[in-house]
Amino acid sequence: MINAKCIGSDLDDFLEEEGILEEAETIAIKRIITFEIEQEIKRRKINKTELAEILQTSRAAVNRILDPEYTSISLLTIEKIAKFLGKRVKIYFA
């Protein structure tokens, strides 16, 4: 049986009602970043150690960067990742 309350609602409404919309959005953004990095790693045919050298960080930090669930990344690290990907970072409040 379909709950009439859910008819016409969307996923964002559901996540907001559950109090997890922001967390879900953050994880989704991190997964996109991780996917982009992994694609660039494959394109360049480099390993995690080489990526750590490019980003001027440790291999442990690269593992955290590539962990889609780990969302605590500094702006400096995001900037380094963007440069690696040939992109720029733009941050705005909506």
PDB file of N, CA and C in Angstrom:
ATOM      1  N   MET A   1       0.835  -1.169   0.000  1.00  0.00           N
ATOM      2  CA  MET A   1       0.000   0.000   0.000  1.00  0.00           C
ATOM      3  C   MET A   1       0.892   1.249   0.000  1.00  0.00           C
ATOM      4  N   ILE A   2       0.588   2.209  -0.827  1.00  0.00           N
ATOM      5  CA  ILE A   2       1.343   3.450  -0.947  1.00  0.00           C
ATOM      6  C   ILE A   2       0.853   4.443   0.092  1.00  0.00           C
ATOM      7  N   ASN A   3       1.807   5.050   0.765  1.00  0.00           N
ATOM      8  CA  ASN A   3       1.489   6.067   1.758  1.00  0.00           C
ATOM      9  C   ASN A   3       1.135   7.356   1.023  1.00  0.00           C
ATOM     10  N   ALA A   4      -0.045   7.886   1.226  1.00  0.00           N
ATOM     11  CA  ALA A   4      -0.507   9.089   0.527  1.00  0.00           C
ATOM     12  C   ALA A   4       0.385  10.286   0.822  1.00  0.00           C
ATOM     13  N   LYS A   5       1.014  10.299   1.979  1.00  0.00           N
ATOM     14  CA  LYS A   5       1.898  11.407   2.347  1.00  0.00           C
ATOM     15  C   LYS A   5       3.103  11.498   1.398  1.00  0.00           C
ATOM     16  N   CYS A   6       3.535  10.379   0.845  1.00  0.00           N
ATOM     17  CA  CYS A   6       4.727  10.342  -0.006  1.00  0.00           C
ATOM     18  C   CYS A   6       4.429  10.657  -1.464  1.00  0.00           C
ATOM     19  N   ILE A   7       3.191  10.624  -1.864  1.00  0.00           N
ATOM     20  CA  ILE A   7       2.848  10.883  -3.258  1.00  0.00           C
ATOM     21  C   ILE A   7       3.170  12.337  -3.587  1.00  0.00           C
ATOM     22  N   GLY A   8       3.940  12.511  -4.652  1.00  0.00           N
ATOM     23  CA  GLY A   8       4.297  13.851  -5.095  1.00  0.00           C
ATOM     24  C   GLY A   8       5.538  14.415  -4.421  1.00  0.00           C
ATOM     25  N   SER A   9       6.056  13.729  -3.419  1.00  0.00           N
ATOM     26  CA  SER A   9       7.271  14.227  -2.777  1.00  0.00           C
ATOM     27  C   SER A   9       8.487  13.724  -3.551  1.00  0.00           C
ATOM     28  N   ASP A  10       9.627  14.336  -3.292  1.00  0.00           N
ATOM     29  CA  ASP A  10      10.835  13.875  -3.962  1.00  0.00           C
ATOM     30  C   ASP A  10      11.871  13.456  -2.914  1.00  0.00           C
ATOM     31  N   LEU A  11      12.999  12.976  -3.399  1.00  0.00           N
ATOM     32  CA  LEU A  11      14.028  12.460  -2.504  1.00  0.00           C
ATOM     33  C   LEU A  11      14.546  13.542  -1.561  1.00  0.00           C
ATOM     34  N   ASP A  12      14.737  14.761  -2.071  1.00  0.00           N
ATOM     35  CA  ASP A  12      15.214  15.851  -1.211  1.00  0.00           C
ATOM     36  C   ASP A  12      14.244  16.102  -0.055  1.00  0.00           C
ATOM     37  N   ASP A  13      12.955  16.075  -0.348  1.00  0.00           N
ATOM     38  CA  ASP A  13      11.959  16.265   0.714  1.00  0.00           C
ATOM     39  C   ASP A  13      12.087  15.164   1.768  1.00  0.00           C
ATOM     40  N   PHE A  14      12.230  13.928   1.311  1.00  0.00           N
ATOM     41  CA  PHE A  14      12.357  12.799   2.228  1.00  0.00           C
ATOM     42  C   PHE A  14      13.604  12.942   3.093  1.00  0.00           C
ATOM     43  N   LEU A  15      14.752  13.248   2.446  1.00  0.00           N
ATOM     44  CA  LEU A  15      16.000  13.383   3.193  1.00  0.00           C
ATOM     45  C   LEU A  15      15.927  14.536   4.196  1.00  0.00           C
ATOM     46  N   GLU A  16      15.260  15.607   3.802  1.00  0.00           N
ATOM     47  CA  GLU A  16      15.107  16.738   4.717  1.00  0.00           C
ATOM     48  C   GLU A  16      14.239  16.350   5.911  1.00  0.00           C
ATOM     49  N   GLU A  17      13.159  15.624   5.660  1.00  0.00           N
ATOM     50  CA  GLU A  17      12.296  15.171   6.748  1.00  0.00           C
ATOM     51  C   GLU A  17      13.057  14.269   7.721  1.00  0.00           C
ATOM     52  N   GLU A  18      13.987  13.476   7.180  1.00  0.00           N
ATOM     53  CA  GLU A  18      14.778  12.571   8.010  1.00  0.00           C
ATOM     54  C   GLU A  18      15.952  13.288   8.688  1.00  0.00           C
ATOM     55  N   GLY A  19      16.177  14.537   8.289  1.00  0.00           N
ATOM     56  CA  GLY A  19      17.258  15.322   8.879  1.00  0.00           C
ATOM     57  C   GLY A  19      18.635  14.974   8.360  1.00  0.00           C
ATOM     58  N   ILE A  20      18.697  14.419   7.153  1.00  0.00           N
ATOM     59  CA  ILE A  20      19.993  13.994   6.612  1.00  0.00           C
ATOM     60  C   ILE A  20      20.282  14.564   5.222  1.00  0.00           C
ATOM     61  N   LEU A  21      19.562  15.582   4.816  1.00  0.00           N
ATOM     62  CA  LEU A  21      19.752  16.155   3.484  1.00  0.00           C
ATOM     63  C   LEU A  21      21.163  16.700   3.309  1.00  0.00           C
ATOM     64  N   GLU A  22      21.642  17.511   4.236  1.00  0.00           N
ATOM     65  CA  GLU A  22      22.970  18.115   4.113  1.00  0.00           C
ATOM     66  C   GLU A  22      24.058  17.052   4.070  1.00  0.00           C
ATOM     67  N   GLU A  23      23.929  16.050   4.932  1.00  0.00           N
ATOM     68  CA  GLU A  23      24.920  14.975   4.960  1.00  0.00           C
ATOM     69  C   GLU A  23      24.925  14.221   3.632  1.00  0.00           C
ATOM     70  N   ALA A  24      23.756  13.934   3.099  1.00  0.00           N
ATOM     71  CA  ALA A  24      23.655  13.217   1.823  1.00  0.00           C
ATOM     72  C   ALA A  24      24.253  14.037   0.683  1.00  0.00           C
ATOM     73  N   GLU A  25      24.017  15.345   0.685  1.00  0.00           N
ATOM     74  CA  GLU A  25      24.574  16.213  -0.349  1.00  0.00           C
ATOM     75  C   GLU A  25      26.097  16.258  -0.257  1.00  0.00           C
ATOM     76  N   THR A  26      26.613  16.330   0.960  1.00  0.00           N
ATOM     77  CA  THR A  26      28.064  16.365   1.168  1.00  0.00           C
ATOM     78  C   THR A  26      28.707  15.080   0.662  1.00  0.00           C
ATOM     79  N   ILE A  27      28.117  13.955   0.997  1.00  0.00           N
ATOM     80  CA  ILE A  27      28.652  12.667   0.539  1.00  0.00           C
ATOM     81  C   ILE A  27      28.574  12.569  -0.977  1.00  0.00           C
ATOM     82  N   ALA A  28      27.502  13.044  -1.573  1.00  0.00           N
ATOM     83  CA  ALA A  28      27.364  13.010  -3.034  1.00  0.00           C
ATOM     84  C   ALA A  28      28.451  13.850  -3.699  1.00  0.00           C
ATOM     85  N   ILE A  29      28.724  15.029  -3.160  1.00  0.00           N
ATOM     86  CA  ILE A  29      29.777  15.883  -3.710  1.00  0.00           C
ATOM     87  C   ILE A  29      31.127  15.190  -3.602  1.00  0.00           C
ATOM     88  N   LYS A  30      31.400  14.590  -2.445  1.00  0.00           N
ATOM     89  CA  LYS A  30      32.684  13.904  -2.249  1.00  0.00           C
ATOM     90  C   LYS A  30      32.813  12.734  -3.206  1.00  0.00           C
ATOM     91  N   ARG A  31      31.736  12.017  -3.466  1.00  0.00           N
ATOM     92  CA  ARG A  31      31.795  10.897  -4.414  1.00  0.00           C
ATOM     93  C   ARG A  31      32.099  11.384  -5.821  1.00  0.00           C
ATOM     94  N   ILE A  32      31.581  12.528  -6.188  1.00  0.00           N
ATOM     95  CA  ILE A  32      31.873  13.099  -7.504  1.00  0.00           C
ATOM     96  C   ILE A  32      33.347  13.471  -7.591  1.00  0.00           C
ATOM     97  N   ILE A  33      33.867  14.124  -6.542  1.00  0.00           N
ATOM     98  CA  ILE A  33      35.287  14.478  -6.520  1.00  0.00           C
ATOM     99  C   ILE A  33      36.151  13.232  -6.621  1.00  0.00           C
ATOM    100  N   THR A  34      35.817  12.221  -5.835  1.00  0.00           N
ATOM    101  CA  THR A  34      36.568  10.966  -5.855  1.00  0.00           C
ATOM    102  C   THR A  34      36.535  10.332  -7.246  1.00  0.00           C
ATOM    103  N   PHE A  35      35.373  10.310  -7.866  1.00  0.00           N
ATOM    104  CA  PHE A  35      35.239   9.741  -9.214  1.00  0.00           C
ATOM    105  C   PHE A  35      36.122  10.494 -10.206  1.00  0.00           C
ATOM    106  N   GLU A  36      36.089  11.823 -10.148  1.00  0.00           N
ATOM    107  CA  GLU A  36      36.898  12.645 -11.066  1.00  0.00           C
ATOM    108  C   GLU A  36      38.389  12.354 -10.878  1.00  0.00           C
ATOM    109  N   ILE A  37      38.828  12.257  -9.625  1.00  0.00           N
ATOM    110  CA  ILE A  37      40.238  11.968  -9.353  1.00  0.00           C
ATOM    111  C   ILE A  37      40.609  10.597  -9.891  1.00  0.00           C
ATOM    112  N   GLU A  38      39.779   9.601  -9.624  1.00  0.00           N
ATOM    113  CA  GLU A  38      40.064   8.247 -10.102  1.00  0.00           C
ATOM    114  C   GLU A  38      40.155   8.192 -11.621  1.00  0.00           C
ATOM    115  N   GLN A  39      39.298   8.932 -12.301  1.00  0.00           N
ATOM    116  CA  GLN A  39      39.346   8.972 -13.770  1.00  0.00           C
ATOM    117  C   GLN A  39      40.660   9.598 -14.247  1.00  0.00           C
ATOM    118  N   GLU A  40      41.101  10.656 -13.586  1.00  0.00           N
ATOM    119  CA  GLU A  40      42.352  11.326 -13.970  1.00  0.00           C
ATOM    120  C   GLU A  40      43.557  10.442 -13.665  1.00  0.00           C
ATOM    121  N   ILE A  41      43.506   9.707 -12.552  1.00  0.00           N
ATOM    122  CA  ILE A  41      44.578   8.764 -12.221  1.00  0.00           C
ATOM    123  C   ILE A  41      44.709   7.715 -13.323  1.00  0.00           C
ATOM    124  N   LYS A  42      43.581   7.186 -13.766  1.00  0.00           N
ATOM    125  CA  LYS A  42      43.595   6.186 -14.843  1.00  0.00           C
ATOM    126  C   LYS A  42      44.118   6.796 -16.136  1.00  0.00           C
ATOM    127  N   ARG A  43      43.668   8.015 -16.435  1.00  0.00           N
ATOM    128  CA  ARG A  43      44.090   8.665 -17.679  1.00  0.00           C
ATOM    129  C   ARG A  43      45.599   8.886 -17.687  1.00  0.00           C
ATOM    130  N   ARG A  44      46.147   9.322 -16.557  1.00  0.00           N
ATOM    131  CA  ARG A  44      47.582   9.598 -16.466  1.00  0.00           C
ATOM    132  C   ARG A  44      48.410   8.349 -16.186  1.00  0.00           C
ATOM    133  N   LYS A  45      47.735   7.266 -15.832  1.00  0.00           N
ATOM    134  CA  LYS A  45      48.401   6.006 -15.494  1.00  0.00           C
ATOM    135  C   LYS A  45      49.410   6.213 -14.365  1.00  0.00           C
ATOM    136  N   ILE A  46      48.924   6.807 -13.274  1.00  0.00           N
ATOM    137  CA  ILE A  46      49.766   7.014 -12.096  1.00  0.00           C
ATOM    138  C   ILE A  46      49.193   6.241 -10.917  1.00  0.00           C
ATOM    139  N   ASN A  47      50.040   6.026  -9.911  1.00  0.00           N
ATOM    140  CA  ASN A  47      49.579   5.317  -8.717  1.00  0.00           C
ATOM    141  C   ASN A  47      49.387   6.313  -7.564  1.00  0.00           C
ATOM    142  N   LYS A  48      48.963   5.790  -6.419  1.00  0.00           N
ATOM    143  CA  LYS A  48      48.665   6.652  -5.278  1.00  0.00           C
ATOM    144  C   LYS A  48      49.909   7.375  -4.757  1.00  0.00           C
ATOM    145  N   THR A  49      51.045   6.711  -4.818  1.00  0.00           N
ATOM    146  CA  THR A  49      52.283   7.347  -4.369  1.00  0.00           C
ATOM    147  C   THR A  49      52.620   8.536  -5.254  1.00  0.00           C
ATOM    148  N   GLU A  50      52.468   8.372  -6.554  1.00  0.00           N
ATOM    149  CA  GLU A  50      52.725   9.471  -7.482  1.00  0.00           C
ATOM    150  C   GLU A  50      51.723  10.602  -7.281  1.00  0.00           C
ATOM    151  N   LEU A  51      50.467  10.244  -7.033  1.00  0.00           N
ATOM    152  CA  LEU A  51      49.454  11.269  -6.763  1.00  0.00           C
ATOM    153  C   LEU A  51      49.808  12.040  -5.499  1.00  0.00           C
ATOM    154  N   ALA A  52      50.284  11.340  -4.481  1.00  0.00           N
ATOM    155  CA  ALA A  52      50.686  11.999  -3.238  1.00  0.00           C
ATOM    156  C   ALA A  52      51.798  13.016  -3.512  1.00  0.00           C
ATOM    157  N   GLU A  53      52.740  12.664  -4.365  1.00  0.00           N
ATOM    158  CA  GLU A  53      53.818  13.588  -4.718  1.00  0.00           C
ATOM    159  C   GLU A  53      53.265  14.802  -5.464  1.00  0.00           C
ATOM    160  N   ILE A  54      52.364  14.576  -6.398  1.00  0.00           N
ATOM    161  CA  ILE A  54      51.767  15.670  -7.170  1.00  0.00           C
ATOM    162  C   ILE A  54      51.007  16.624  -6.254  1.00  0.00           C
ATOM    163  N   LEU A  55      50.257  16.058  -5.306  1.00  0.00           N
ATOM    164  CA  LEU A  55      49.451  16.866  -4.386  1.00  0.00           C
ATOM    165  C   LEU A  55      50.264  17.372  -3.191  1.00  0.00           C
ATOM    166  N   GLN A  56      51.533  16.986  -3.138  1.00  0.00           N
ATOM    167  CA  GLN A  56      52.424  17.366  -2.043  1.00  0.00           C
ATOM    168  C   GLN A  56      51.822  16.970  -0.695  1.00  0.00           C
ATOM    169  N   THR A  57      51.469  15.693  -0.609  1.00  0.00           N
ATOM    170  CA  THR A  57      50.871  15.163   0.616  1.00  0.00           C
ATOM    171  C   THR A  57      51.328  13.730   0.809  1.00  0.00           C
ATOM    172  N   SER A  58      50.822  13.069   1.812  1.00  0.00           N
ATOM    173  CA  SER A  58      51.193  11.681   2.090  1.00  0.00           C
ATOM    174  C   SER A  58      50.263  10.710   1.372  1.00  0.00           C
ATOM    175  N   ARG A  59      50.718   9.477   1.284  1.00  0.00           N
ATOM    176  CA  ARG A  59      49.871   8.442   0.691  1.00  0.00           C
ATOM    177  C   ARG A  59      48.634   8.202   1.568  1.00  0.00           C
ATOM    178  N   ALA A  60      48.796   8.326   2.886  1.00  0.00           N
ATOM    179  CA  ALA A  60      47.645   8.166   3.797  1.00  0.00           C
ATOM    180  C   ALA A  60      46.595   9.233   3.503  1.00  0.00           C
ATOM    181  N   ALA A  61      47.056  10.462   3.231  1.00  0.00           N
ATOM    182  CA  ALA A  61      46.115  11.538   2.899  1.00  0.00           C
ATOM    183  C   ALA A  61      45.422  11.234   1.573  1.00  0.00           C
ATOM    184  N   VAL A  62      46.147  10.669   0.617  1.00  0.00           N
ATOM    185  CA  VAL A  62      45.538  10.290  -0.669  1.00  0.00           C
ATOM    186  C   VAL A  62      44.458   9.243  -0.437  1.00  0.00           C
ATOM    187  N   ASN A  63      44.720   8.291   0.433  1.00  0.00           N
ATOM    188  CA  ASN A  63      43.696   7.281   0.744  1.00  0.00           C
ATOM    189  C   ASN A  63      42.439   7.927   1.308  1.00  0.00           C
ATOM    190  N   ARG A  64      42.605   8.942   2.156  1.00  0.00           N
ATOM    191  CA  ARG A  64      41.436   9.650   2.696  1.00  0.00           C
ATOM    192  C   ARG A  64      40.727  10.435   1.587  1.00  0.00           C
ATOM    193  N   ILE A  65      41.500  11.057   0.730  1.00  0.00           N
ATOM    194  CA  ILE A  65      40.930  11.817  -0.389  1.00  0.00           C
ATOM    195  C   ILE A  65      40.100  10.902  -1.279  1.00  0.00           C
ATOM    196  N   LEU A  66      40.578   9.689  -1.497  1.00  0.00           N
ATOM    197  CA  LEU A  66      39.894   8.746  -2.384  1.00  0.00           C
ATOM    198  C   LEU A  66      38.798   7.946  -1.689  1.00  0.00           C
ATOM    199  N   ASP A  67      38.614   8.167  -0.398  1.00  0.00           N
ATOM    200  CA  ASP A  67      37.545   7.504   0.346  1.00  0.00           C
ATOM    201  C   ASP A  67      36.277   8.352   0.195  1.00  0.00           C
ATOM    202  N   PRO A  68      35.267   7.872  -0.554  1.00  0.00           N
ATOM    203  CA  PRO A  68      34.075   8.690  -0.797  1.00  0.00           C
ATOM    204  C   PRO A  68      33.290   9.031   0.471  1.00  0.00           C
ATOM    205  N   GLU A  69      33.487   8.292   1.530  1.00  0.00           N
ATOM    206  CA  GLU A  69      32.770   8.565   2.782  1.00  0.00           C
ATOM    207  C   GLU A  69      33.496   9.592   3.649  1.00  0.00           C
ATOM    208  N   TYR A  70      34.779   9.830   3.387  1.00  0.00           N
ATOM    209  CA  TYR A  70      35.560  10.781   4.179  1.00  0.00           C
ATOM    210  C   TYR A  70      35.340  12.175   3.608  1.00  0.00           C
ATOM    211  N   THR A  71      34.615  13.015   4.325  1.00  0.00           N
ATOM    212  CA  THR A  71      34.229  14.322   3.790  1.00  0.00           C
ATOM    213  C   THR A  71      34.984  15.494   4.424  1.00  0.00           C
ATOM    214  N   SER A  72      35.897  15.221   5.333  1.00  0.00           N
ATOM    215  CA  SER A  72      36.631  16.295   6.011  1.00  0.00           C
ATOM    216  C   SER A  72      37.912  16.627   5.249  1.00  0.00           C
ATOM    217  N   ILE A  73      37.773  17.386   4.194  1.00  0.00           N
ATOM    218  CA  ILE A  73      38.917  17.784   3.374  1.00  0.00           C
ATOM    219  C   ILE A  73      39.067  19.291   3.478  1.00  0.00           C
ATOM    220  N   SER A  74      40.303  19.745   3.648  1.00  0.00           N
ATOM    221  CA  SER A  74      40.539  21.182   3.774  1.00  0.00           C
ATOM    222  C   SER A  74      40.396  21.877   2.421  1.00  0.00           C
ATOM    223  N   LEU A  75      40.176  23.171   2.465  1.00  0.00           N
ATOM    224  CA  LEU A  75      40.094  23.952   1.230  1.00  0.00           C
ATOM    225  C   LEU A  75      41.405  23.902   0.461  1.00  0.00           C
ATOM    226  N   LEU A  76      42.527  23.879   1.178  1.00  0.00           N
ATOM    227  CA  LEU A  76      43.825  23.786   0.516  1.00  0.00           C
ATOM    228  C   LEU A  76      43.935  22.488  -0.275  1.00  0.00           C
ATOM    229  N   THR A  77      43.491  21.389   0.314  1.00  0.00           N
ATOM    230  CA  THR A  77      43.519  20.103  -0.379  1.00  0.00           C
ATOM    231  C   THR A  77      42.588  20.115  -1.582  1.00  0.00           C
ATOM    232  N   ILE A  78      41.421  20.696  -1.432  1.00  0.00           N
ATOM    233  CA  ILE A  78      40.485  20.799  -2.556  1.00  0.00           C
ATOM    234  C   ILE A  78      41.110  21.608  -3.688  1.00  0.00           C
ATOM    235  N   GLU A  79      41.810  22.665  -3.340  1.00  0.00           N
ATOM    236  CA  GLU A  79      42.487  23.490  -4.350  1.00  0.00           C
ATOM    237  C   GLU A  79      43.562  22.680  -5.081  1.00  0.00           C
ATOM    238  N   LYS A  80      44.327  21.888  -4.356  1.00  0.00           N
ATOM    239  CA  LYS A  80      45.359  21.040  -4.972  1.00  0.00           C
ATOM    240  C   LYS A  80      44.725  20.003  -5.901  1.00  0.00           C
ATOM    241  N   ILE A  81      43.614  19.435  -5.464  1.00  0.00           N
ATOM    242  CA  ILE A  81      42.900  18.455  -6.284  1.00  0.00           C
ATOM    243  C   ILE A  81      42.397  19.115  -7.568  1.00  0.00           C
ATOM    244  N   ALA A  82      41.830  20.302  -7.435  1.00  0.00           N
ATOM    245  CA  ALA A  82      41.325  21.025  -8.608  1.00  0.00           C
ATOM    246  C   ALA A  82      42.450  21.290  -9.599  1.00  0.00           C
ATOM    247  N   LYS A  83      43.591  21.709  -9.103  1.00  0.00           N
ATOM    248  CA  LYS A  83      44.736  21.962  -9.978  1.00  0.00           C
ATOM    249  C   LYS A  83      45.149  20.673 -10.687  1.00  0.00           C
ATOM    250  N   PHE A  84      45.194  19.566  -9.950  1.00  0.00           N
ATOM    251  CA  PHE A  84      45.520  18.257 -10.530  1.00  0.00           C
ATOM    252  C   PHE A  84      44.547  17.897 -11.645  1.00  0.00           C
ATOM    253  N   LEU A  85      43.276  18.221 -11.440  1.00  0.00           N
ATOM    254  CA  LEU A  85      42.240  17.909 -12.425  1.00  0.00           C
ATOM    255  C   LEU A  85      42.162  18.941 -13.547  1.00  0.00           C
ATOM    256  N   GLY A  86      42.970  20.004 -13.444  1.00  0.00           N
ATOM    257  CA  GLY A  86      42.917  21.062 -14.454  1.00  0.00           C
ATOM    258  C   GLY A  86      41.665  21.917 -14.323  1.00  0.00           C
ATOM    259  N   LYS A  87      41.207  22.077 -13.095  1.00  0.00           N
ATOM    260  CA  LYS A  87      39.978  22.837 -12.838  1.00  0.00           C
ATOM    261  C   LYS A  87      40.251  23.924 -11.810  1.00  0.00           C
ATOM    262  N   ARG A  88      39.263  24.770 -11.592  1.00  0.00           N
ATOM    263  CA  ARG A  88      39.312  25.814 -10.575  1.00  0.00           C
ATOM    264  C   ARG A  88      38.214  25.556  -9.565  1.00  0.00           C
ATOM    265  N   VAL A  89      38.435  26.032  -8.355  1.00  0.00           N
ATOM    266  CA  VAL A  89      37.430  25.905  -7.304  1.00  0.00           C
ATOM    267  C   VAL A  89      36.634  27.205  -7.232  1.00  0.00           C
ATOM    268  N   LYS A  90      35.319  27.064  -7.216  1.00  0.00           N
ATOM    269  CA  LYS A  90      34.431  28.195  -6.997  1.00  0.00           C
ATOM    270  C   LYS A  90      33.485  27.806  -5.867  1.00  0.00           C
ATOM    271  N   ILE A  91      33.462  28.619  -4.839  1.00  0.00           N
ATOM    272  CA  ILE A  91      32.595  28.335  -3.700  1.00  0.00           C
ATOM    273  C   ILE A  91      31.598  29.482  -3.574  1.00  0.00           C
ATOM    274  N   TYR A  92      30.343  29.136  -3.390  1.00  0.00           N
ATOM    275  CA  TYR A  92      29.323  30.152  -3.194  1.00  0.00           C
ATOM    276  C   TYR A  92      28.246  29.600  -2.269  1.00  0.00           C
ATOM    277  N   PHE A  93      27.572  30.498  -1.630  1.00  0.00           N
ATOM    278  CA  PHE A  93      26.469  30.118  -0.761  1.00  0.00           C
ATOM    279  C   PHE A  93      25.176  30.296  -1.539  1.00  0.00           C
ATOM    280  N   ALA A  94      24.331  29.292  -1.504  1.00  0.00           N
ATOM    281  CA  ALA A  94      23.074  29.351  -2.251  1.00  0.00           C
ATOM    282  C   ALA A  94      21.898  29.348  -1.297  1.00  0.00           C
TER     283      ALA A  94
END
